[in-house]
């Protein structure tokens, strides 16, 4: 009788760490862009800029709600 090798989660752990690094980089980039007021020029700001920011906030809220079990993801 042959035994299967013990399963390890090394591949899953490596994939998780790689994906976390990807998310960390996106968050850092978003934070820097936020600190620059999302590239908005106060002299040229218009409702399209507001709409774009609202859409970005909507997407981030979906992520936040999913992560913390809030909103439509609440138990």
N, C-alpha and C. Protein backbone atom coordinates (compact mmCIF):
# COMPACT_ATOMS: atom_id res chain seq x y z
N UNK A 1 0.84 -1.17 0.00
CA UNK A 1 0.00 0.00 0.00
C UNK A 1 0.89 1.25 0.00
N UNK A 2 0.64 2.14 -0.93
CA UNK A 2 1.43 3.37 -0.98
C UNK A 2 0.67 4.47 -0.27
N UNK A 3 1.44 5.27 0.41
CA UNK A 3 0.84 6.39 1.15
C UNK A 3 1.01 7.67 0.35
N UNK A 4 0.02 8.51 0.42
CA UNK A 4 0.13 9.84 -0.20
C UNK A 4 1.04 10.69 0.68
N UNK A 5 1.84 11.54 0.06
CA UNK A 5 2.67 12.43 0.88
C UNK A 5 1.78 13.38 1.69
N UNK A 6 2.26 13.75 2.83
CA UNK A 6 1.50 14.66 3.69
C UNK A 6 1.24 15.96 2.93
N UNK A 7 0.02 16.43 3.01
CA UNK A 7 -0.32 17.69 2.33
C UNK A 7 0.21 18.86 3.16
N UNK A 8 0.76 19.80 2.47
CA UNK A 8 1.20 21.01 3.17
C UNK A 8 0.48 22.19 2.53
N UNK A 9 0.49 23.25 3.23
CA UNK A 9 -0.13 24.45 2.68
C UNK A 9 0.92 25.45 2.22
N UNK A 10 2.11 24.98 1.93
CA UNK A 10 3.19 25.89 1.51
C UNK A 10 2.80 26.69 0.27
N UNK A 11 2.20 26.03 -0.72
CA UNK A 11 1.82 26.74 -1.95
C UNK A 11 0.74 27.77 -1.66
N UNK A 12 -0.24 27.39 -0.83
CA UNK A 12 -1.30 28.34 -0.48
C UNK A 12 -0.74 29.52 0.30
N UNK A 13 0.17 29.24 1.21
CA UNK A 13 0.79 30.31 2.00
C UNK A 13 1.57 31.27 1.10
N UNK A 14 2.33 30.73 0.17
CA UNK A 14 3.09 31.56 -0.76
C UNK A 14 2.16 32.42 -1.61
N UNK A 15 1.06 31.82 -2.09
CA UNK A 15 0.09 32.57 -2.90
C UNK A 15 -0.57 33.67 -2.06
N UNK A 16 -0.90 33.34 -0.82
CA UNK A 16 -1.52 34.32 0.09
C UNK A 16 -0.58 35.50 0.32
N UNK A 17 0.67 35.22 0.62
CA UNK A 17 1.64 36.29 0.88
C UNK A 17 1.85 37.15 -0.37
N UNK A 18 1.90 36.52 -1.53
CA UNK A 18 2.06 37.28 -2.78
C UNK A 18 0.85 38.18 -3.01
N UNK A 19 -0.36 37.66 -2.79
CA UNK A 19 -1.57 38.46 -2.99
C UNK A 19 -1.66 39.58 -1.97
N UNK A 20 -1.24 39.31 -0.72
CA UNK A 20 -1.23 40.36 0.30
C UNK A 20 -0.28 41.47 -0.09
N UNK A 21 0.88 41.13 -0.63
CA UNK A 21 1.83 42.15 -1.08
C UNK A 21 1.23 43.00 -2.20
N UNK A 22 0.49 42.35 -3.08
CA UNK A 22 -0.18 43.07 -4.17
C UNK A 22 -1.22 44.05 -3.61
N UNK A 23 -2.00 43.61 -2.64
CA UNK A 23 -3.00 44.47 -2.01
C UNK A 23 -2.31 45.61 -1.26
N UNK A 24 -1.26 45.31 -0.51
CA UNK A 24 -0.53 46.35 0.22
C UNK A 24 -0.01 47.43 -0.72
N UNK A 25 0.48 47.03 -1.88
CA UNK A 25 0.98 48.00 -2.87
C UNK A 25 -0.16 48.87 -3.40
N UNK A 26 -1.30 48.25 -3.66
CA UNK A 26 -2.46 49.03 -4.13
C UNK A 26 -2.92 50.02 -3.08
N UNK A 27 -2.96 49.57 -1.81
CA UNK A 27 -3.39 50.45 -0.73
C UNK A 27 -2.43 51.63 -0.56
N UNK A 28 -1.14 51.36 -0.65
CA UNK A 28 -0.15 52.44 -0.53
C UNK A 28 -0.31 53.44 -1.67
N UNK A 29 -0.55 52.92 -2.87
CA UNK A 29 -0.72 53.80 -4.03
C UNK A 29 -2.00 54.64 -3.88
N UNK A 30 -3.08 54.01 -3.42
CA UNK A 30 -4.32 54.75 -3.19
C UNK A 30 -4.16 55.79 -2.10
N UNK A 31 -3.43 55.45 -1.03
CA UNK A 31 -3.21 56.41 0.05
C UNK A 31 -2.44 57.63 -0.45
N UNK A 32 -1.41 57.40 -1.23
CA UNK A 32 -0.64 58.51 -1.78
C UNK A 32 -1.49 59.37 -2.71
N UNK A 33 -2.34 58.73 -3.50
CA UNK A 33 -3.21 59.46 -4.42
C UNK A 33 -4.25 60.26 -3.63
N UNK A 34 -4.75 59.69 -2.54
CA UNK A 34 -5.69 60.40 -1.68
C UNK A 34 -5.04 61.64 -1.08
N UNK A 35 -3.80 61.48 -0.62
CA UNK A 35 -3.09 62.62 -0.03
C UNK A 35 -2.89 63.74 -1.05
N UNK A 36 -2.91 63.40 -2.34
CA UNK A 36 -2.82 64.39 -3.42
C UNK A 36 -4.22 64.76 -3.91
N UNK A 37 -5.22 64.55 -3.08
CA UNK A 37 -6.62 64.86 -3.40
C UNK A 37 -7.07 64.19 -4.69
N UNK A 38 -6.61 62.96 -4.89
CA UNK A 38 -6.96 62.15 -6.05
C UNK A 38 -6.67 62.86 -7.37
N UNK A 39 -5.62 63.66 -7.34
CA UNK A 39 -5.17 64.34 -8.56
C UNK A 39 -6.08 65.47 -9.01
N UNK A 40 -7.02 65.85 -8.18
CA UNK A 40 -7.97 66.89 -8.55
C UNK A 40 -7.32 68.27 -8.44
N UNK A 41 -7.56 69.08 -9.45
CA UNK A 41 -7.11 70.46 -9.46
C UNK A 41 -8.25 71.32 -8.93
N UNK A 42 -8.09 71.96 -7.76
CA UNK A 42 -9.20 72.74 -7.19
C UNK A 42 -9.74 73.81 -8.13
N UNK A 43 -8.89 74.30 -9.03
CA UNK A 43 -9.32 75.34 -9.97
C UNK A 43 -10.17 74.77 -11.11
N UNK A 44 -10.07 73.47 -11.34
CA UNK A 44 -10.78 72.84 -12.45
C UNK A 44 -11.75 71.75 -12.00
N UNK A 45 -11.94 71.61 -10.71
CA UNK A 45 -12.80 70.58 -10.16
C UNK A 45 -14.22 70.73 -10.71
N UNK A 46 -14.84 69.60 -11.08
CA UNK A 46 -16.21 69.65 -11.58
C UNK A 46 -16.97 68.41 -11.10
N UNK A 47 -18.22 68.31 -11.49
CA UNK A 47 -19.06 67.21 -11.02
C UNK A 47 -18.58 65.85 -11.53
N UNK A 48 -17.88 65.82 -12.62
CA UNK A 48 -17.32 64.55 -13.10
C UNK A 48 -16.29 64.02 -12.09
N UNK A 49 -15.51 64.94 -11.51
CA UNK A 49 -14.54 64.55 -10.48
C UNK A 49 -15.27 63.98 -9.26
N UNK A 50 -16.37 64.62 -8.88
CA UNK A 50 -17.16 64.14 -7.74
C UNK A 50 -17.73 62.76 -8.06
N UNK A 51 -18.25 62.59 -9.27
CA UNK A 51 -18.81 61.30 -9.67
C UNK A 51 -17.76 60.20 -9.65
N UNK A 52 -16.57 60.51 -10.14
CA UNK A 52 -15.49 59.53 -10.13
C UNK A 52 -15.14 59.12 -8.70
N UNK A 53 -15.06 60.10 -7.81
CA UNK A 53 -14.74 59.83 -6.42
C UNK A 53 -15.85 59.03 -5.74
N UNK A 54 -17.10 59.35 -6.07
CA UNK A 54 -18.22 58.58 -5.52
C UNK A 54 -18.14 57.12 -5.96
N UNK A 55 -17.79 56.89 -7.22
CA UNK A 55 -17.69 55.52 -7.72
C UNK A 55 -16.56 54.78 -7.01
N UNK A 56 -15.43 55.43 -6.83
CA UNK A 56 -14.32 54.81 -6.12
C UNK A 56 -14.71 54.50 -4.67
N UNK A 57 -15.40 55.43 -4.03
CA UNK A 57 -15.85 55.21 -2.65
C UNK A 57 -16.82 54.03 -2.60
N UNK A 58 -17.69 53.91 -3.59
CA UNK A 58 -18.64 52.80 -3.66
C UNK A 58 -17.89 51.46 -3.75
N UNK A 59 -16.89 51.38 -4.61
CA UNK A 59 -16.12 50.14 -4.76
C UNK A 59 -15.37 49.80 -3.47
N UNK A 60 -14.77 50.80 -2.85
CA UNK A 60 -14.05 50.56 -1.60
C UNK A 60 -15.00 50.15 -0.48
N UNK A 61 -16.21 50.71 -0.48
CA UNK A 61 -17.20 50.31 0.53
C UNK A 61 -17.58 48.85 0.35
N UNK A 62 -17.71 48.41 -0.90
CA UNK A 62 -18.01 47.00 -1.15
C UNK A 62 -16.91 46.10 -0.57
N UNK A 63 -15.67 46.49 -0.79
CA UNK A 63 -14.54 45.72 -0.26
C UNK A 63 -14.55 45.75 1.26
N UNK A 64 -14.76 46.93 1.83
CA UNK A 64 -14.77 47.08 3.28
C UNK A 64 -15.92 46.27 3.90
N UNK A 65 -17.10 46.37 3.32
CA UNK A 65 -18.25 45.61 3.83
C UNK A 65 -17.99 44.11 3.76
N UNK A 66 -17.43 43.64 2.66
CA UNK A 66 -17.11 42.22 2.51
C UNK A 66 -16.10 41.79 3.57
N UNK A 67 -15.07 42.60 3.76
CA UNK A 67 -14.00 42.27 4.69
C UNK A 67 -14.49 42.22 6.13
N UNK A 68 -15.35 43.17 6.50
CA UNK A 68 -15.77 43.28 7.90
C UNK A 68 -17.18 42.77 8.16
N UNK A 69 -17.78 42.13 7.16
CA UNK A 69 -19.11 41.56 7.35
C UNK A 69 -20.16 42.62 7.64
N UNK A 70 -20.09 43.74 6.94
CA UNK A 70 -21.04 44.83 7.13
C UNK A 70 -21.90 44.98 5.87
N UNK A 71 -22.85 45.92 5.94
CA UNK A 71 -23.69 46.17 4.78
C UNK A 71 -24.39 44.91 4.31
N UNK A 72 -24.38 44.68 3.01
CA UNK A 72 -25.05 43.49 2.47
C UNK A 72 -24.38 42.19 2.88
N UNK A 73 -23.19 42.28 3.42
CA UNK A 73 -22.46 41.09 3.87
C UNK A 73 -22.62 40.83 5.37
N UNK A 74 -23.47 41.62 6.01
CA UNK A 74 -23.68 41.43 7.45
C UNK A 74 -24.39 40.10 7.69
N UNK A 75 -24.06 39.52 8.81
CA UNK A 75 -24.65 38.22 9.15
C UNK A 75 -26.12 38.32 9.47
